[in-house]
């Protein structure tokens, strides 16, 4: 088969354009999320960011575990999550965090994957639990412990 003839095949061109379209769409969404975070927070207050986080909701919310994807930001004084497409966001104040660990259960339902569990005190002073799945969870756990919990525990891990 002639290489030039293969490159001009409409099926191949449609696939290549579709693939490039997906790449550009993902890059655009990532840039949009990054811009949104930098508009909301000062860059010097951001410690760690991931755009591939899944949020499973708060334990006090009705129903089973949620599933939304978005950006998770560790700030010097809080943890912030914003869903990519839904109008869902949560801010957990760093001084309200009481525990961080890993579990595969949330809202008494199996997640079938490990998630980072954050226990914290809500606005009413009651203990609440949020669950997140993100790339490099041990990195996040160490950073949260170092910034908000026992600083010695962050150094040991």
C-alpha atoms as a PDB file:
ATOM      1  CA  UNK A   1       0.000   0.000   0.000  1.00  0.00           C
ATOM      2  CA  UNK A   2       1.302   3.398  -0.930  1.00  0.00           C
ATOM      3  CA  UNK A   3       1.952   5.530   2.208  1.00  0.00           C
ATOM      4  CA  UNK A   4       0.499   8.714   0.692  1.00  0.00           C
ATOM      5  CA  UNK A   5      -2.634   6.853  -0.373  1.00  0.00           C
ATOM      6  CA  UNK A   6      -3.034   5.502   3.174  1.00  0.00           C
ATOM      7  CA  UNK A   7      -2.647   8.975   4.703  1.00  0.00           C
ATOM      8  CA  UNK A   8      -5.342  10.406   2.451  1.00  0.00           C
ATOM      9  CA  UNK A   9      -7.848   7.654   3.259  1.00  0.00           C
ATOM     10  CA  UNK A  10     -10.988   9.367   4.672  1.00  0.00           C
ATOM     11  CA  UNK A  11     -11.386   6.771   7.426  1.00  0.00           C
ATOM     12  CA  UNK A  12      -7.856   7.339   8.690  1.00  0.00           C
ATOM     13  CA  UNK A  13      -8.225  11.117   8.506  1.00  0.00           C
ATOM     14  CA  UNK A  14     -11.530  11.018  10.409  1.00  0.00           C
ATOM     15  CA  UNK A  15      -9.944   8.911  13.153  1.00  0.00           C
ATOM     16  CA  UNK A  16      -6.899  11.206  13.378  1.00  0.00           C
ATOM     17  CA  UNK A  17      -9.062  14.350  13.562  1.00  0.00           C
ATOM     18  CA  UNK A  18     -11.302  12.752  16.182  1.00  0.00           C
ATOM     19  CA  UNK A  19      -8.277  11.734  18.263  1.00  0.00           C
ATOM     20  CA  UNK A  20      -6.730  15.213  18.009  1.00  0.00           C
ATOM     21  CA  UNK A  21     -10.082  16.742  18.940  1.00  0.00           C
ATOM     22  CA  UNK A  22     -10.167  14.680  22.138  1.00  0.00           C
ATOM     23  CA  UNK A  23      -6.604  15.722  22.999  1.00  0.00           C
ATOM     24  CA  UNK A  24      -7.418  19.420  22.475  1.00  0.00           C
ATOM     25  CA  UNK A  25     -10.661  19.094  24.467  1.00  0.00           C
ATOM     26  CA  UNK A  26      -8.805  17.568  27.442  1.00  0.00           C
ATOM     27  CA  UNK A  27      -6.085  20.224  27.264  1.00  0.00           C
ATOM     28  CA  UNK A  28      -8.699  22.997  27.100  1.00  0.00           C
ATOM     29  CA  UNK A  29     -10.559  21.622  30.145  1.00  0.00           C
ATOM     30  CA  UNK A  30      -7.334  21.328  32.111  1.00  0.00           C
ATOM     31  CA  UNK A  31      -6.369  24.898  31.255  1.00  0.00           C
ATOM     32  CA  UNK A  32      -9.853  26.131  32.191  1.00  0.00           C
ATOM     33  CA  UNK A  33      -9.710  24.389  35.583  1.00  0.00           C
ATOM     34  CA  UNK A  34      -6.216  25.714  36.223  1.00  0.00           C
ATOM     35  CA  UNK A  35      -7.319  29.262  35.400  1.00  0.00           C
ATOM     36  CA  UNK A  36     -10.374  28.905  37.659  1.00  0.00           C
ATOM     37  CA  UNK A  37      -8.176  27.830  40.596  1.00  0.00           C
ATOM     38  CA  UNK A  38      -5.643  30.620  40.039  1.00  0.00           C
ATOM     39  CA  UNK A  39      -8.472  33.172  39.873  1.00  0.00           C
ATOM     40  CA  UNK A  40      -9.933  31.881  43.140  1.00  0.00           C
ATOM     41  CA  UNK A  41      -6.694  31.501  45.151  1.00  0.00           C
ATOM     42  CA  UNK A  42      -3.353  33.229  45.360  1.00  0.00           C
ATOM     43  CA  UNK A  43      -0.637  31.065  43.793  1.00  0.00           C
ATOM     44  CA  UNK A  44       1.576  31.341  46.898  1.00  0.00           C
ATOM     45  CA  UNK A  45      -1.210  29.749  49.017  1.00  0.00           C
ATOM     46  CA  UNK A  46      -1.403  26.610  46.826  1.00  0.00           C
ATOM     47  CA  UNK A  47       0.651  23.694  48.126  1.00  0.00           C
ATOM     48  CA  UNK A  48      -0.531  20.837  45.899  1.00  0.00           C
ATOM     49  CA  UNK A  49      -3.048  20.415  43.073  1.00  0.00           C
ATOM     50  CA  UNK A  50      -4.481  17.509  41.120  1.00  0.00           C
ATOM     51  CA  UNK A  51      -6.982  17.670  38.295  1.00  0.00           C
ATOM     52  CA  UNK A  52      -7.780  13.968  38.365  1.00  0.00           C
ATOM     53  CA  UNK A  53      -9.560  13.652  41.706  1.00  0.00           C
ATOM     54  CA  UNK A  54     -12.805  11.778  42.278  1.00  0.00           C
ATOM     55  CA  UNK A  55     -15.081  12.915  45.087  1.00  0.00           C
ATOM     56  CA  UNK A  56     -17.435  10.427  46.717  1.00  0.00           C
ATOM     57  CA  UNK A  57     -19.376  12.925  48.804  1.00  0.00           C
ATOM     58  CA  UNK A  58     -19.906  13.613  52.481  1.00  0.00           C
ATOM     59  CA  UNK A  59     -21.068  10.874  54.789  1.00  0.00           C
ATOM     60  CA  UNK A  60     -24.004  12.998  55.980  1.00  0.00           C
ATOM     61  CA  UNK A  61     -25.429  13.366  52.452  1.00  0.00           C
ATOM     62  CA  UNK A  62     -28.369  11.138  51.587  1.00  0.00           C
ATOM     63  CA  UNK A  63     -27.915   8.129  49.329  1.00  0.00           C
ATOM     64  CA  UNK A  64     -24.877   6.143  48.366  1.00  0.00           C
ATOM     65  CA  UNK A  65     -21.447   7.417  47.452  1.00  0.00           C
ATOM     66  CA  UNK A  66     -21.398  10.143  44.812  1.00  0.00           C
ATOM     67  CA  UNK A  67     -19.007  10.092  41.914  1.00  0.00           C
ATOM     68  CA  UNK A  68     -17.752  13.359  40.520  1.00  0.00           C
ATOM     69  CA  UNK A  69     -14.429  14.275  38.953  1.00  0.00           C
ATOM     70  CA  UNK A  70     -12.639  17.552  39.370  1.00  0.00           C
ATOM     71  CA  UNK A  71      -9.754  19.474  40.837  1.00  0.00           C
ATOM     72  CA  UNK A  72      -8.471  18.980  44.381  1.00  0.00           C
ATOM     73  CA  UNK A  73      -6.314  21.727  45.831  1.00  0.00           C
ATOM     74  CA  UNK A  74      -4.310  21.635  49.045  1.00  0.00           C
ATOM     75  CA  UNK A  75      -3.968  25.175  50.337  1.00  0.00           C
ATOM     76  CA  UNK A  76      -1.909  26.369  53.283  1.00  0.00           C
ATOM     77  CA  UNK A  77      -5.065  26.593  55.399  1.00  0.00           C
ATOM     78  CA  UNK A  78      -7.658  24.323  53.708  1.00  0.00           C
ATOM     79  CA  UNK A  79      -8.496  21.627  51.185  1.00  0.00           C
ATOM     80  CA  UNK A  80     -10.674  22.677  48.257  1.00  0.00           C
ATOM     81  CA  UNK A  81     -12.501  20.489  45.739  1.00  0.00           C
ATOM     82  CA  UNK A  82     -14.424  21.687  42.683  1.00  0.00           C
ATOM     83  CA  UNK A  83     -16.223  19.351  40.298  1.00  0.00           C
ATOM     84  CA  UNK A  84     -15.300  19.663  36.659  1.00  0.00           C
ATOM     85  CA  UNK A  85     -18.831  19.839  35.245  1.00  0.00           C
ATOM     86  CA  UNK A  86     -21.268  19.863  38.157  1.00  0.00           C
ATOM     87  CA  UNK A  87     -21.771  22.839  40.410  1.00  0.00           C
ATOM     88  CA  UNK A  88     -20.289  20.988  43.378  1.00  0.00           C
ATOM     89  CA  UNK A  89     -17.523  22.276  45.592  1.00  0.00           C
ATOM     90  CA  UNK A  90     -16.328  21.735  49.135  1.00  0.00           C
ATOM     91  CA  UNK A  91     -13.875  23.576  51.353  1.00  0.00           C
ATOM     92  CA  UNK A  92     -12.432  21.736  54.356  1.00  0.00           C
ATOM     93  CA  UNK A  93     -10.614  23.996  56.771  1.00  0.00           C
ATOM     94  CA  UNK A  94      -7.234  22.608  57.732  1.00  0.00           C
ATOM     95  CA  UNK A  95      -7.660  23.234  61.460  1.00  0.00           C
ATOM     96  CA  UNK A  96     -10.915  21.219  61.436  1.00  0.00           C
ATOM     97  CA  UNK A  97      -9.291  18.006  60.124  1.00  0.00           C
ATOM     98  CA  UNK A  98      -9.153  15.284  62.781  1.00  0.00           C
ATOM     99  CA  UNK A  99      -8.070  12.227  60.763  1.00  0.00           C
ATOM    100  CA  UNK A 100      -6.781  11.207  57.352  1.00  0.00           C
ATOM    101  CA  UNK A 101      -6.410   7.656  56.103  1.00  0.00           C
ATOM    102  CA  UNK A 102      -7.304   5.145  53.403  1.00  0.00           C
ATOM    103  CA  UNK A 103     -10.449   3.031  53.169  1.00  0.00           C
ATOM    104  CA  UNK A 104     -12.423   1.141  50.535  1.00  0.00           C
ATOM    105  CA  UNK A 105     -15.800   1.831  52.200  1.00  0.00           C
ATOM    106  CA  UNK A 106     -17.747   5.097  52.279  1.00  0.00           C
ATOM    107  CA  UNK A 107     -21.313   5.669  53.507  1.00  0.00           C
ATOM    108  CA  UNK A 108     -21.314   1.994  54.547  1.00  0.00           C
ATOM    109  CA  UNK A 109     -21.002   0.959  50.884  1.00  0.00           C
ATOM    110  CA  UNK A 110     -17.987  -0.676  49.212  1.00  0.00           C
ATOM    111  CA  UNK A 111     -16.131   1.587  46.786  1.00  0.00           C
ATOM    112  CA  UNK A 112     -14.219  -1.337  45.167  1.00  0.00           C
ATOM    113  CA  UNK A 113     -11.133   0.888  45.251  1.00  0.00           C
ATOM    114  CA  UNK A 114      -9.063   2.665  47.864  1.00  0.00           C
ATOM    115  CA  UNK A 115     -10.005   6.230  48.706  1.00  0.00           C
ATOM    116  CA  UNK A 116      -8.487   8.854  50.964  1.00  0.00           C
ATOM    117  CA  UNK A 117     -10.825   9.477  53.900  1.00  0.00           C
ATOM    118  CA  UNK A 118     -10.751  12.865  55.600  1.00  0.00           C
ATOM    119  CA  UNK A 119     -12.575  13.312  58.893  1.00  0.00           C
ATOM    120  CA  UNK A 120     -13.186  16.870  59.977  1.00  0.00           C
ATOM    121  CA  UNK A 121     -15.470  19.015  62.089  1.00  0.00           C
ATOM    122  CA  UNK A 122     -18.175  20.776  60.079  1.00  0.00           C
ATOM    123  CA  UNK A 123     -19.592  24.260  60.735  1.00  0.00           C
ATOM    124  CA  UNK A 124     -21.829  22.911  63.530  1.00  0.00           C
ATOM    125  CA  UNK A 125     -18.877  21.197  65.229  1.00  0.00           C
ATOM    126  CA  UNK A 126     -20.069  17.672  64.306  1.00  0.00           C
ATOM    127  CA  UNK A 127     -17.663  15.162  62.830  1.00  0.00           C
ATOM    128  CA  UNK A 128     -18.031  14.692  59.086  1.00  0.00           C
ATOM    129  CA  UNK A 129     -16.255  12.426  56.605  1.00  0.00           C
ATOM    130  CA  UNK A 130     -15.368  13.035  52.953  1.00  0.00           C
ATOM    131  CA  UNK A 131     -13.800  10.544  50.552  1.00  0.00           C
ATOM    132  CA  UNK A 132     -11.538  11.277  47.582  1.00  0.00           C
ATOM    133  CA  UNK A 133      -9.597   9.193  45.105  1.00  0.00           C
ATOM    134  CA  UNK A 134      -6.628  10.895  43.527  1.00  0.00           C
ATOM    135  CA  UNK A 135      -3.314  10.045  41.892  1.00  0.00           C
ATOM    136  CA  UNK A 136      -0.499   9.460  44.388  1.00  0.00           C
ATOM    137  CA  UNK A 137      -2.655   9.213  47.539  1.00  0.00           C
ATOM    138  CA  UNK A 138       0.349   8.681  49.840  1.00  0.00           C
ATOM    139  CA  UNK A 139       1.801  11.989  48.639  1.00  0.00           C
ATOM    140  CA  UNK A 140      -1.474  13.725  49.531  1.00  0.00           C
ATOM    141  CA  UNK A 141      -1.744  12.034  52.922  1.00  0.00           C
ATOM    142  CA  UNK A 142       1.805  13.057  53.823  1.00  0.00           C
ATOM    143  CA  UNK A 143       1.209  16.638  52.669  1.00  0.00           C
ATOM    144  CA  UNK A 144      -2.053  16.941  54.630  1.00  0.00           C
ATOM    145  CA  UNK A 145      -0.491  15.470  57.756  1.00  0.00           C
ATOM    146  CA  UNK A 146       2.485  17.774  57.428  1.00  0.00           C
ATOM    147  CA  UNK A 147       0.348  20.896  56.953  1.00  0.00           C
ATOM    148  CA  UNK A 148      -2.603  20.231  59.263  1.00  0.00           C
ATOM    149  CA  UNK A 149      -2.108  17.298  61.635  1.00  0.00           C
ATOM    150  CA  UNK A 150       0.811  16.129  63.753  1.00  0.00           C
ATOM    151  CA  UNK A 151       3.869  17.450  61.936  1.00  0.00           C
ATOM    152  CA  UNK A 152       5.948  14.551  63.257  1.00  0.00           C
ATOM    153  CA  UNK A 153       3.547  12.022  61.649  1.00  0.00           C
ATOM    154  CA  UNK A 154       4.116  13.697  58.278  1.00  0.00           C
ATOM    155  CA  UNK A 155       7.892  13.357  58.681  1.00  0.00           C
ATOM    156  CA  UNK A 156       7.712   9.677  59.590  1.00  0.00           C
ATOM    157  CA  UNK A 157       5.811   8.571  56.460  1.00  0.00           C
END
